[in-house]
Amino acid sequence: MTGYRVQHSLTHGSDKRGIRFAPSVDIDEVRALAMLMTWKVALFNLPYGGAKGGVEINPRNYSEAELERVT
């Protein structure tokens, strides 16, 4: 498996994050999602920055417990 992690902005505090599980995820997609997270938390005036992670994996081939261990 290949994983990616992008911290776009930490200006307003710790980062608001999430992980995308998809077979076609790549670094450019994760960068874009991290930037969108930054804009989203800024729009709602939340005390977070923006970050995102991604793992190249087909989540339908794994149980919830297995996906938890990946994270």
C-alpha atoms as a PDB file:
ATOM      1  CA  MET A   1       0.000   0.000   0.000  1.00  0.00           C
ATOM      2  CA  THR A   2       1.058   3.555  -0.626  1.00  0.00           C
ATOM      3  CA  GLY A   3      -0.016   6.343   1.691  1.00  0.00           C
ATOM      4  CA  TYR A   4       0.127  10.118   1.466  1.00  0.00           C
ATOM      5  CA  ARG A   5      -0.150  12.886   4.067  1.00  0.00           C
ATOM      6  CA  VAL A   6      -0.418  16.612   3.368  1.00  0.00           C
ATOM      7  CA  GLN A   7      -0.603  19.444   5.880  1.00  0.00           C
ATOM      8  CA  HIS A   8      -1.760  22.459   3.895  1.00  0.00           C
ATOM      9  CA  SER A   9      -2.058  25.011   6.681  1.00  0.00           C
ATOM     10  CA  LEU A  10      -1.534  25.029  10.434  1.00  0.00           C
ATOM     11  CA  THR A  11      -2.095  28.783  10.775  1.00  0.00           C
ATOM     12  CA  HIS A  12      -5.193  28.536  12.955  1.00  0.00           C
ATOM     13  CA  GLY A  13      -4.055  25.681  15.165  1.00  0.00           C
ATOM     14  CA  SER A  14      -3.899  21.939  14.869  1.00  0.00           C
ATOM     15  CA  ASP A  15      -5.027  20.424  11.607  1.00  0.00           C
ATOM     16  CA  LYS A  16      -8.479  19.158  10.715  1.00  0.00           C
ATOM     17  CA  ARG A  17      -7.850  15.948   8.865  1.00  0.00           C
ATOM     18  CA  GLY A  18      -9.250  12.774   7.439  1.00  0.00           C
ATOM     19  CA  ILE A  19      -8.100   9.803   5.406  1.00  0.00           C
ATOM     20  CA  ARG A  20      -9.317   8.890   1.948  1.00  0.00           C
ATOM     21  CA  PHE A  21      -9.219   5.191   1.061  1.00  0.00           C
ATOM     22  CA  ALA A  22      -9.368   4.694  -2.704  1.00  0.00           C
ATOM     23  CA  PRO A  23      -7.537   2.579  -5.281  1.00  0.00           C
ATOM     24  CA  SER A  24      -6.803   5.627  -7.437  1.00  0.00           C
ATOM     25  CA  VAL A  25      -5.760   8.174  -4.790  1.00  0.00           C
ATOM     26  CA  ASP A  26      -2.548  10.074  -5.538  1.00  0.00           C
ATOM     27  CA  ILE A  27      -0.507  12.891  -4.020  1.00  0.00           C
ATOM     28  CA  ASP A  28      -2.143  15.578  -6.181  1.00  0.00           C
ATOM     29  CA  GLU A  29      -5.620  14.561  -5.041  1.00  0.00           C
ATOM     30  CA  VAL A  30      -4.547  14.564  -1.392  1.00  0.00           C
ATOM     31  CA  ARG A  31      -2.980  18.034  -1.827  1.00  0.00           C
ATOM     32  CA  ALA A  32      -6.237  19.340  -3.285  1.00  0.00           C
ATOM     33  CA  LEU A  33      -8.306  17.779  -0.489  1.00  0.00           C
ATOM     34  CA  ALA A  34      -6.016  19.283   2.165  1.00  0.00           C
ATOM     35  CA  MET A  35      -6.392  22.713   0.583  1.00  0.00           C
ATOM     36  CA  LEU A  36     -10.179  22.319   0.495  1.00  0.00           C
ATOM     37  CA  MET A  37     -10.152  21.354   4.168  1.00  0.00           C
ATOM     38  CA  THR A  38      -8.230  24.573   4.924  1.00  0.00           C
ATOM     39  CA  TRP A  39     -10.850  26.637   3.096  1.00  0.00           C
ATOM     40  CA  LYS A  40     -13.711  24.754   4.741  1.00  0.00           C
ATOM     41  CA  VAL A  41     -12.534  25.329   8.302  1.00  0.00           C
ATOM     42  CA  ALA A  42     -11.716  28.979   7.497  1.00  0.00           C
ATOM     43  CA  LEU A  43     -15.204  29.506   6.054  1.00  0.00           C
ATOM     44  CA  PHE A  44     -16.778  28.233   9.269  1.00  0.00           C
ATOM     45  CA  ASN A  45     -14.207  30.108  11.393  1.00  0.00           C
ATOM     46  CA  LEU A  46     -13.056  26.930  13.146  1.00  0.00           C
ATOM     47  CA  PRO A  47      -9.744  26.938  15.037  1.00  0.00           C
ATOM     48  CA  TYR A  48      -8.061  24.383  12.765  1.00  0.00           C
ATOM     49  CA  GLY A  49      -5.726  24.244   9.817  1.00  0.00           C
ATOM     50  CA  GLY A  50      -6.220  21.882   6.902  1.00  0.00           C
ATOM     51  CA  ALA A  51      -4.687  18.473   6.259  1.00  0.00           C
ATOM     52  CA  LYS A  52      -5.607  15.231   4.555  1.00  0.00           C
ATOM     53  CA  GLY A  53      -4.303  11.722   4.135  1.00  0.00           C
ATOM     54  CA  GLY A  54      -4.841   9.138   1.460  1.00  0.00           C
ATOM     55  CA  VAL A  55      -4.152   5.422   1.120  1.00  0.00           C
ATOM     56  CA  GLU A  56      -4.074   3.582  -2.208  1.00  0.00           C
ATOM     57  CA  ILE A  57      -6.322   0.705  -1.266  1.00  0.00           C
ATOM     58  CA  ASN A  58      -9.692  -0.636  -2.360  1.00  0.00           C
ATOM     59  CA  PRO A  59     -11.679  -0.468   0.889  1.00  0.00           C
ATOM     60  CA  ARG A  60     -14.280  -2.922  -0.415  1.00  0.00           C
ATOM     61  CA  ASN A  61     -11.668  -5.688  -0.258  1.00  0.00           C
ATOM     62  CA  TYR A  62     -11.070  -5.211   3.486  1.00  0.00           C
ATOM     63  CA  SER A  63     -13.139  -5.404   6.647  1.00  0.00           C
ATOM     64  CA  GLU A  64     -13.683  -2.390   8.879  1.00  0.00           C
ATOM     65  CA  ALA A  65     -11.259  -3.869  11.430  1.00  0.00           C
ATOM     66  CA  GLU A  66      -8.562  -4.319   8.768  1.00  0.00           C
ATOM     67  CA  LEU A  67      -8.995  -0.721   7.595  1.00  0.00           C
ATOM     68  CA  GLU A  68      -8.689   0.456  11.202  1.00  0.00           C
ATOM     69  CA  ARG A  69      -5.336  -1.304  11.477  1.00  0.00           C
ATOM     70  CA  VAL A  70      -4.164   0.441   8.270  1.00  0.00           C
ATOM     71  CA  THR A  71      -4.827   3.834   9.830  1.00  0.00           C
END
